[in-house]
Amino acid sequence: MAFKSEEDAKAYWKENLSLVVKLFIVWFVVSFGCGILLVDLLNTIPLGGYKLGFWFAQQGAIYTFVVLIFVYTIKMGQLDRKYGVDDE
């Protein structure tokens, strides 16, 4: 990975870390917030015969994590192209 300048390298890593922090926040809210903190409130809503809080704790957090992996991959590809450090 070769950056054109030191400023580009710092800007790249700043944007990278910003993206990671945002995705971790989403993951935390879904897994811990919906699966643990808000479980009683969400359990009042049925989803396919199951309580929504239970579903988030068992399946929703996993699905969200997989989606976040794809989002990270797409956004990092865009970031790499923006700073000219992509594989192409």
PDB file of N, CA and C in Angstrom:
ATOM      1  N   MET A   1       0.848  -1.161   0.000  1.00  0.00           N
ATOM      2  CA  MET A   1       0.000   0.000   0.000  1.00  0.00           C
ATOM      3  C   MET A   1       0.900   1.232   0.000  1.00  0.00           C
ATOM      4  N   ALA A   2       0.818   1.995  -1.060  1.00  0.00           N
ATOM      5  CA  ALA A   2       1.656   3.186  -1.173  1.00  0.00           C
ATOM      6  C   ALA A   2       0.779   4.426  -1.322  1.00  0.00           C
ATOM      7  N   PHE A   3       0.886   5.309  -0.354  1.00  0.00           N
ATOM      8  CA  PHE A   3       0.117   6.550  -0.397  1.00  0.00           C
ATOM      9  C   PHE A   3       0.925   7.629  -1.100  1.00  0.00           C
ATOM     10  N   LYS A   4       0.214   8.566  -1.677  1.00  0.00           N
ATOM     11  CA  LYS A   4       0.886   9.666  -2.383  1.00  0.00           C
ATOM     12  C   LYS A   4       1.593  10.606  -1.418  1.00  0.00           C
ATOM     13  N   SER A   5       1.025  10.744  -0.225  1.00  0.00           N
ATOM     14  CA  SER A   5       1.634  11.629   0.771  1.00  0.00           C
ATOM     15  C   SER A   5       1.290  11.144   2.174  1.00  0.00           C
ATOM     16  N   GLU A   6       1.970  11.690   3.125  1.00  0.00           N
ATOM     17  CA  GLU A   6       1.715  11.369   4.530  1.00  0.00           C
ATOM     18  C   GLU A   6       0.313  11.815   4.945  1.00  0.00           C
ATOM     19  N   GLU A   7      -0.136  12.942   4.392  1.00  0.00           N
ATOM     20  CA  GLU A   7      -1.473  13.446   4.699  1.00  0.00           C
ATOM     21  C   GLU A   7      -2.555  12.487   4.198  1.00  0.00           C
ATOM     22  N   ASP A   8      -2.333  11.906   3.004  1.00  0.00           N
ATOM     23  CA  ASP A   8      -3.281  10.923   2.475  1.00  0.00           C
ATOM     24  C   ASP A   8      -3.345   9.690   3.376  1.00  0.00           C
ATOM     25  N   ALA A   9      -2.197   9.261   3.865  1.00  0.00           N
ATOM     26  CA  ALA A   9      -2.148   8.091   4.739  1.00  0.00           C
ATOM     27  C   ALA A   9      -2.915   8.360   6.038  1.00  0.00           C
ATOM     28  N   LYS A  10      -2.709   9.528   6.613  1.00  0.00           N
ATOM     29  CA  LYS A  10      -3.414   9.870   7.851  1.00  0.00           C
ATOM     30  C   LYS A  10      -4.914  10.004   7.620  1.00  0.00           C
ATOM     31  N   ALA A  11      -5.304  10.622   6.506  1.00  0.00           N
ATOM     32  CA  ALA A  11      -6.728  10.775   6.188  1.00  0.00           C
ATOM     33  C   ALA A  11      -7.375   9.414   5.949  1.00  0.00           C
ATOM     34  N   TYR A  12      -6.656   8.521   5.280  1.00  0.00           N
ATOM     35  CA  TYR A  12      -7.153   7.169   5.003  1.00  0.00           C
ATOM     36  C   TYR A  12      -7.442   6.439   6.313  1.00  0.00           C
ATOM     37  N   TRP A  13      -6.465   6.438   7.213  1.00  0.00           N
ATOM     38  CA  TRP A  13      -6.643   5.712   8.466  1.00  0.00           C
ATOM     39  C   TRP A  13      -7.679   6.375   9.364  1.00  0.00           C
ATOM     40  N   LYS A  14      -7.802   7.685   9.287  1.00  0.00           N
ATOM     41  CA  LYS A  14      -8.836   8.375  10.054  1.00  0.00           C
ATOM     42  C   LYS A  14     -10.220   7.939   9.571  1.00  0.00           C
ATOM     43  N   GLU A  15     -10.420   7.888   8.250  1.00  0.00           N
ATOM     44  CA  GLU A  15     -11.703   7.446   7.700  1.00  0.00           C
ATOM     45  C   GLU A  15     -11.946   5.969   7.987  1.00  0.00           C
ATOM     46  N   ASN A  16     -10.892   5.171   7.920  1.00  0.00           N
ATOM     47  CA  ASN A  16     -11.001   3.742   8.212  1.00  0.00           C
ATOM     48  C   ASN A  16     -11.466   3.534   9.657  1.00  0.00           C
ATOM     49  N   LEU A  17     -10.805   4.193  10.591  1.00  0.00           N
ATOM     50  CA  LEU A  17     -11.179   4.056  11.996  1.00  0.00           C
ATOM     51  C   LEU A  17     -12.583   4.593  12.272  1.00  0.00           C
ATOM     52  N   SER A  18     -12.954   5.652  11.597  1.00  0.00           N
ATOM     53  CA  SER A  18     -14.291   6.203  11.744  1.00  0.00           C
ATOM     54  C   SER A  18     -15.342   5.183  11.303  1.00  0.00           C
ATOM     55  N   LEU A  19     -15.092   4.530  10.184  1.00  0.00           N
ATOM     56  CA  LEU A  19     -16.012   3.499   9.692  1.00  0.00           C
ATOM     57  C   LEU A  19     -16.112   2.340  10.667  1.00  0.00           C
ATOM     58  N   VAL A  20     -14.977   1.882  11.173  1.00  0.00           N
ATOM     59  CA  VAL A  20     -14.968   0.759  12.111  1.00  0.00           C
ATOM     60  C   VAL A  20     -15.736   1.116  13.383  1.00  0.00           C
ATOM     61  N   VAL A  21     -15.537   2.305  13.903  1.00  0.00           N
ATOM     62  CA  VAL A  21     -16.240   2.727  15.114  1.00  0.00           C
ATOM     63  C   VAL A  21     -17.746   2.769  14.868  1.00  0.00           C
ATOM     64  N   LYS A  22     -18.166   3.309  13.742  1.00  0.00           N
ATOM     65  CA  LYS A  22     -19.602   3.366  13.421  1.00  0.00           C
ATOM     66  C   LYS A  22     -20.203   1.968  13.319  1.00  0.00           C
ATOM     67  N   LEU A  23     -19.494   1.055  12.685  1.00  0.00           N
ATOM     68  CA  LEU A  23     -20.006  -0.311  12.548  1.00  0.00           C
ATOM     69  C   LEU A  23     -20.033  -1.026  13.894  1.00  0.00           C
ATOM     70  N   PHE A  24     -19.032  -0.784  14.737  1.00  0.00           N
ATOM     71  CA  PHE A  24     -19.052  -1.366  16.084  1.00  0.00           C
ATOM     72  C   PHE A  24     -20.217  -0.832  16.907  1.00  0.00           C
ATOM     73  N   ILE A  25     -20.550   0.424  16.746  1.00  0.00           N
ATOM     74  CA  ILE A  25     -21.686   0.993  17.468  1.00  0.00           C
ATOM     75  C   ILE A  25     -22.975   0.311  17.045  1.00  0.00           C
ATOM     76  N   VAL A  26     -23.158   0.138  15.737  1.00  0.00           N
ATOM     77  CA  VAL A  26     -24.352  -0.558  15.246  1.00  0.00           C
ATOM     78  C   VAL A  26     -24.391  -1.978  15.801  1.00  0.00           C
ATOM     79  N   TRP A  27     -23.274  -2.679  15.735  1.00  0.00           N
ATOM     80  CA  TRP A  27     -23.212  -4.049  16.236  1.00  0.00           C
ATOM     81  C   TRP A  27     -23.520  -4.104  17.736  1.00  0.00           C
ATOM     82  N   PHE A  28     -22.972  -3.174  18.501  1.00  0.00           N
ATOM     83  CA  PHE A  28     -23.216  -3.138  19.942  1.00  0.00           C
ATOM     84  C   PHE A  28     -24.684  -2.874  20.254  1.00  0.00           C
ATOM     85  N   VAL A  29     -25.266  -1.906  19.562  1.00  0.00           N
ATOM     86  CA  VAL A  29     -26.676  -1.577  19.808  1.00  0.00           C
ATOM     87  C   VAL A  29     -27.565  -2.772  19.502  1.00  0.00           C
ATOM     88  N   VAL A  30     -27.294  -3.454  18.392  1.00  0.00           N
ATOM     89  CA  VAL A  30     -28.128  -4.595  18.021  1.00  0.00           C
ATOM     90  C   VAL A  30     -27.897  -5.773  18.956  1.00  0.00           C
ATOM     91  N   SER A  31     -26.648  -6.129  19.208  1.00  0.00           N
ATOM     92  CA  SER A  31     -26.383  -7.325  20.015  1.00  0.00           C
ATOM     93  C   SER A  31     -26.628  -7.103  21.501  1.00  0.00           C
ATOM     94  N   PHE A  32     -26.049  -6.069  22.060  1.00  0.00           N
ATOM     95  CA  PHE A  32     -26.193  -5.829  23.493  1.00  0.00           C
ATOM     96  C   PHE A  32     -27.495  -5.089  23.800  1.00  0.00           C
ATOM     97  N   GLY A  33     -27.764  -4.047  23.016  1.00  0.00           N
ATOM     98  CA  GLY A  33     -28.963  -3.246  23.271  1.00  0.00           C
ATOM     99  C   GLY A  33     -30.248  -4.017  23.056  1.00  0.00           C
ATOM    100  N   CYS A  34     -30.407  -4.576  21.859  1.00  0.00           N
ATOM    101  CA  CYS A  34     -31.647  -5.284  21.542  1.00  0.00           C
ATOM    102  C   CYS A  34     -31.696  -6.677  22.161  1.00  0.00           C
ATOM    103  N   GLY A  35     -30.554  -7.321  22.303  1.00  0.00           N
ATOM    104  CA  GLY A  35     -30.524  -8.681  22.836  1.00  0.00           C
ATOM    105  C   GLY A  35     -30.525  -8.774  24.339  1.00  0.00           C
ATOM    106  N   ILE A  36     -30.114  -7.693  25.036  1.00  0.00           N
ATOM    107  CA  ILE A  36     -30.006  -7.749  26.498  1.00  0.00           C
ATOM    108  C   ILE A  36     -30.769  -6.607  27.171  1.00  0.00           C
ATOM    109  N   LEU A  37     -30.436  -5.371  26.822  1.00  0.00           N
ATOM    110  CA  LEU A  37     -31.019  -4.221  27.520  1.00  0.00           C
ATOM    111  C   LEU A  37     -32.503  -4.014  27.208  1.00  0.00           C
ATOM    112  N   LEU A  38     -32.867  -4.141  25.958  1.00  0.00           N
ATOM    113  CA  LEU A  38     -34.253  -3.877  25.550  1.00  0.00           C
ATOM    114  C   LEU A  38     -35.061  -5.153  25.344  1.00  0.00           C
ATOM    115  N   VAL A  39     -34.568  -6.265  25.842  1.00  0.00           N
ATOM    116  CA  VAL A  39     -35.214  -7.551  25.573  1.00  0.00           C
ATOM    117  C   VAL A  39     -36.652  -7.590  26.085  1.00  0.00           C
ATOM    118  N   ASP A  40     -36.923  -7.051  27.263  1.00  0.00           N
ATOM    119  CA  ASP A  40     -38.280  -7.093  27.805  1.00  0.00           C
ATOM    120  C   ASP A  40     -39.245  -6.280  26.958  1.00  0.00           C
ATOM    121  N   LEU A  41     -38.804  -5.125  26.503  1.00  0.00           N
ATOM    122  CA  LEU A  41     -39.639  -4.289  25.645  1.00  0.00           C
ATOM    123  C   LEU A  41     -39.877  -4.969  24.295  1.00  0.00           C
ATOM    124  N   LEU A  42     -38.829  -5.519  23.720  1.00  0.00           N
ATOM    125  CA  LEU A  42     -38.953  -6.172  22.414  1.00  0.00           C
ATOM    126  C   LEU A  42     -39.727  -7.485  22.482  1.00  0.00           C
ATOM    127  N   ASN A  43     -39.733  -8.128  23.638  1.00  0.00           N
ATOM    128  CA  ASN A  43     -40.462  -9.392  23.770  1.00  0.00           C
ATOM    129  C   ASN A  43     -41.969  -9.215  23.673  1.00  0.00           C
ATOM    130  N   THR A  44     -42.443  -7.994  23.723  1.00  0.00           N
ATOM    131  CA  THR A  44     -43.882  -7.758  23.560  1.00  0.00           C
ATOM    132  C   THR A  44     -44.292  -7.803  22.089  1.00  0.00           C
ATOM    133  N   ILE A  45     -43.318  -7.862  21.190  1.00  0.00           N
ATOM    134  CA  ILE A  45     -43.578  -7.884  19.747  1.00  0.00           C
ATOM    135  C   ILE A  45     -43.269  -9.281  19.213  1.00  0.00           C
ATOM    136  N   PRO A  46     -44.273  -9.965  18.646  1.00  0.00           N
ATOM    137  CA  PRO A  46     -44.002 -11.301  18.089  1.00  0.00           C
ATOM    138  C   PRO A  46     -43.398 -11.211  16.688  1.00  0.00           C
ATOM    139  N   LEU A  47     -42.518 -12.156  16.386  1.00  0.00           N
ATOM    140  CA  LEU A  47     -41.905 -12.244  15.061  1.00  0.00           C
ATOM    141  C   LEU A  47     -41.840 -13.716  14.675  1.00  0.00           C
ATOM    142  N   GLY A  48     -42.711 -14.125  13.780  1.00  0.00           N
ATOM    143  CA  GLY A  48     -42.723 -15.511  13.327  1.00  0.00           C
ATOM    144  C   GLY A  48     -42.957 -16.512  14.445  1.00  0.00           C
ATOM    145  N   GLY A  49     -43.770 -16.161  15.421  1.00  0.00           N
ATOM    146  CA  GLY A  49     -44.047 -17.062  16.532  1.00  0.00           C
ATOM    147  C   GLY A  49     -43.069 -16.957  17.686  1.00  0.00           C
ATOM    148  N   TYR A  50     -42.063 -16.138  17.544  1.00  0.00           N
ATOM    149  CA  TYR A  50     -41.078 -15.940  18.614  1.00  0.00           C
ATOM    150  C   TYR A  50     -41.145 -14.503  19.106  1.00  0.00           C
ATOM    151  N   LYS A  51     -40.676 -14.303  20.312  1.00  0.00           N
ATOM    152  CA  LYS A  51     -40.588 -12.948  20.840  1.00  0.00           C
ATOM    153  C   LYS A  51     -39.416 -12.239  20.167  1.00  0.00           C
ATOM    154  N   LEU A  52     -39.590 -10.962  19.820  1.00  0.00           N
ATOM    155  CA  LEU A  52     -38.580 -10.221  19.079  1.00  0.00           C
ATOM    156  C   LEU A  52     -37.265 -10.100  19.853  1.00  0.00           C
ATOM    157  N   GLY A  53     -37.333  -9.913  21.159  1.00  0.00           N
ATOM    158  CA  GLY A  53     -36.116  -9.827  21.971  1.00  0.00           C
ATOM    159  C   GLY A  53     -35.319 -11.121  21.917  1.00  0.00           C
ATOM    160  N   PHE A  54     -36.016 -12.242  22.004  1.00  0.00           N
ATOM    161  CA  PHE A  54     -35.360 -13.547  21.896  1.00  0.00           C
ATOM    162  C   PHE A  54     -34.744 -13.706  20.513  1.00  0.00           C
ATOM    163  N   TRP A  55     -35.473 -13.292  19.476  1.00  0.00           N
ATOM    164  CA  TRP A  55     -34.959 -13.420  18.107  1.00  0.00           C
ATOM    165  C   TRP A  55     -33.681 -12.608  17.927  1.00  0.00           C
ATOM    166  N   PHE A  56     -33.659 -11.365  18.438  1.00  0.00           N
ATOM    167  CA  PHE A  56     -32.447 -10.551  18.327  1.00  0.00           C
ATOM    168  C   PHE A  56     -31.276 -11.210  19.058  1.00  0.00           C
ATOM    169  N   ALA A  57     -31.535 -11.760  20.221  1.00  0.00           N
ATOM    170  CA  ALA A  57     -30.464 -12.390  20.982  1.00  0.00           C
ATOM    171  C   ALA A  57     -29.937 -13.632  20.282  1.00  0.00           C
ATOM    172  N   GLN A  58     -30.809 -14.381  19.606  1.00  0.00           N
ATOM    173  CA  GLN A  58     -30.395 -15.643  19.004  1.00  0.00           C
ATOM    174  C   GLN A  58     -29.989 -15.528  17.537  1.00  0.00           C
ATOM    175  N   GLN A  59     -30.698 -14.714  16.754  1.00  0.00           N
ATOM    176  CA  GLN A  59     -30.460 -14.661  15.315  1.00  0.00           C
ATOM    177  C   GLN A  59     -30.152 -13.266  14.795  1.00  0.00           C
ATOM    178  N   GLY A  60     -30.849 -12.277  15.289  1.00  0.00           N
ATOM    179  CA  GLY A  60     -30.731 -10.919  14.757  1.00  0.00           C
ATOM    180  C   GLY A  60     -29.327 -10.359  14.828  1.00  0.00           C
ATOM    181  N   ALA A  61     -28.643 -10.605  15.933  1.00  0.00           N
ATOM    182  CA  ALA A  61     -27.274 -10.104  16.077  1.00  0.00           C
ATOM    183  C   ALA A  61     -26.341 -10.772  15.072  1.00  0.00           C
ATOM    184  N   ILE A  62     -26.561 -12.049  14.803  1.00  0.00           N
ATOM    185  CA  ILE A  62     -25.723 -12.765  13.840  1.00  0.00           C
ATOM    186  C   ILE A  62     -25.964 -12.231  12.436  1.00  0.00           C
ATOM    187  N   TYR A  63     -27.232 -12.068  12.057  1.00  0.00           N
ATOM    188  CA  TYR A  63     -27.554 -11.526  10.732  1.00  0.00           C
ATOM    189  C   TYR A  63     -26.989 -10.117  10.570  1.00  0.00           C
ATOM    190  N   THR A  64     -27.121  -9.321  11.602  1.00  0.00           N
ATOM    191  CA  THR A  64     -26.587  -7.956  11.557  1.00  0.00           C
ATOM    192  C   THR A  64     -25.075  -7.981  11.380  1.00  0.00           C
ATOM    193  N   PHE A  65     -24.397  -8.872  12.084  1.00  0.00           N
ATOM    194  CA  PHE A  65     -22.945  -8.970  11.973  1.00  0.00           C
ATOM    195  C   PHE A  65     -22.526  -9.333  10.545  1.00  0.00           C
ATOM    196  N   VAL A  66     -23.237 -10.267   9.926  1.00  0.00           N
ATOM    197  CA  VAL A  66     -22.923 -10.655   8.543  1.00  0.00           C
ATOM    198  C   VAL A  66     -23.141  -9.479   7.599  1.00  0.00           C
ATOM    199  N   VAL A  67     -24.238  -8.742   7.781  1.00  0.00           N
ATOM    200  CA  VAL A  67     -24.500  -7.563   6.943  1.00  0.00           C
ATOM    201  C   VAL A  67     -23.401  -6.520   7.142  1.00  0.00           C
ATOM    202  N   LEU A  68     -22.967  -6.322   8.377  1.00  0.00           N
ATOM    203  CA  LEU A  68     -21.902  -5.355   8.654  1.00  0.00           C
ATOM    204  C   LEU A  68     -20.586  -5.748   7.983  1.00  0.00           C
ATOM    205  N   ILE A  69     -20.325  -7.035   7.857  1.00  0.00           N
ATOM    206  CA  ILE A  69     -19.122  -7.479   7.144  1.00  0.00           C
ATOM    207  C   ILE A  69     -19.191  -7.046   5.687  1.00  0.00           C
ATOM    208  N   PHE A  70     -20.354  -7.237   5.062  1.00  0.00           N
ATOM    209  CA  PHE A  70     -20.515  -6.817   3.669  1.00  0.00           C
ATOM    210  C   PHE A  70     -20.431  -5.302   3.530  1.00  0.00           C
ATOM    211  N   VAL A  71     -21.041  -4.570   4.450  1.00  0.00           N
ATOM    212  CA  VAL A  71     -20.972  -3.108   4.421  1.00  0.00           C
ATOM    213  C   VAL A  71     -19.522  -2.655   4.545  1.00  0.00           C
ATOM    214  N   TYR A  72     -18.777  -3.263   5.474  1.00  0.00           N
ATOM    215  CA  TYR A  72     -17.368  -2.904   5.657  1.00  0.00           C
ATOM    216  C   TYR A  72     -16.566  -3.174   4.380  1.00  0.00           C
ATOM    217  N   THR A  73     -16.812  -4.307   3.759  1.00  0.00           N
ATOM    218  CA  THR A  73     -16.088  -4.661   2.537  1.00  0.00           C
ATOM    219  C   THR A  73     -16.364  -3.658   1.426  1.00  0.00           C
ATOM    220  N   ILE A  74     -17.608  -3.294   1.242  1.00  0.00           N
ATOM    221  CA  ILE A  74     -17.979  -2.334   0.195  1.00  0.00           C
ATOM    222  C   ILE A  74     -17.387  -0.960   0.485  1.00  0.00           C
ATOM    223  N   LYS A  75     -17.543  -0.499   1.727  1.00  0.00           N
ATOM    224  CA  LYS A  75     -17.047   0.837   2.083  1.00  0.00           C
ATOM    225  C   LYS A  75     -15.519   0.914   2.022  1.00  0.00           C
ATOM    226  N   MET A  76     -14.838  -0.149   2.407  1.00  0.00           N
ATOM    227  CA  MET A  76     -13.370  -0.146   2.339  1.00  0.00           C
ATOM    228  C   MET A  76     -12.897  -0.174   0.896  1.00  0.00           C
ATOM    229  N   GLY A  77     -13.624  -0.857   0.031  1.00  0.00           N
ATOM    230  CA  GLY A  77     -13.284  -0.830  -1.389  1.00  0.00           C
ATOM    231  C   GLY A  77     -13.394   0.580  -1.950  1.00  0.00           C
ATOM    232  N   GLN A  78     -14.456   1.288  -1.555  1.00  0.00           N
ATOM    233  CA  GLN A  78     -14.627   2.678  -1.985  1.00  0.00           C
ATOM    234  C   GLN A  78     -13.507   3.556  -1.427  1.00  0.00           C
ATOM    235  N   LEU A  79     -13.163   3.338  -0.175  1.00  0.00           N
ATOM    236  CA  LEU A  79     -12.102   4.129   0.460  1.00  0.00           C
ATOM    237  C   LEU A  79     -10.748   3.855  -0.197  1.00  0.00           C
ATOM    238  N   ASP A  80     -10.481   2.598  -0.490  1.00  0.00           N
ATOM    239  CA  ASP A  80      -9.226   2.252  -1.172  1.00  0.00           C
ATOM    240  C   ASP A  80      -9.127   2.925  -2.531  1.00  0.00           C
ATOM    241  N   ARG A  81     -10.216   2.912  -3.290  1.00  0.00           N
ATOM    242  CA  ARG A  81     -10.207   3.573  -4.604  1.00  0.00           C
ATOM    243  C   ARG A  81     -10.055   5.087  -4.469  1.00  0.00           C
ATOM    244  N   LYS A  82     -10.676   5.646  -3.437  1.00  0.00           N
ATOM    245  CA  LYS A  82     -10.592   7.094  -3.211  1.00  0.00           C
ATOM    246  C   LYS A  82      -9.146   7.533  -2.998  1.00  0.00           C
ATOM    247  N   TYR A  83      -8.378   6.737  -2.271  1.00  0.00           N
ATOM    248  CA  TYR A  83      -6.989   7.099  -1.957  1.00  0.00           C
ATOM    249  C   TYR A  83      -5.977   6.410  -2.872  1.00  0.00           C
ATOM    250  N   GLY A  84      -6.462   5.685  -3.875  1.00  0.00           N
ATOM    251  CA  GLY A  84      -5.576   5.074  -4.851  1.00  0.00           C
ATOM    252  C   GLY A  84      -4.730   3.935  -4.316  1.00  0.00           C
ATOM    253  N   VAL A  85      -5.244   3.208  -3.335  1.00  0.00           N
ATOM    254  CA  VAL A  85      -4.491   2.088  -2.775  1.00  0.00           C
ATOM    255  C   VAL A  85      -5.210   0.755  -3.005  1.00  0.00           C
ATOM    256  N   ASP A  86      -6.098   0.729  -3.987  1.00  0.00           N
ATOM    257  CA  ASP A  86      -6.808  -0.509  -4.284  1.00  0.00           C
ATOM    258  C   ASP A  86      -5.912  -1.471  -5.051  1.00  0.00           C
ATOM    259  N   ASP A  87      -6.359  -2.686  -5.193  1.00  0.00           N
ATOM    260  CA  ASP A  87      -5.555  -3.730  -5.836  1.00  0.00           C
ATOM    261  C   ASP A  87      -5.492  -3.606  -7.350  1.00  0.00           C
ATOM    262  N   GLU A  88      -6.348  -2.821  -7.923  1.00  0.00           N
ATOM    263  CA  GLU A  88      -6.410  -2.740  -9.390  1.00  0.00           C
ATOM    264  C   GLU A  88      -5.416  -1.759  -9.939  1.00  0.00           C
TER     265      GLU A  88
END
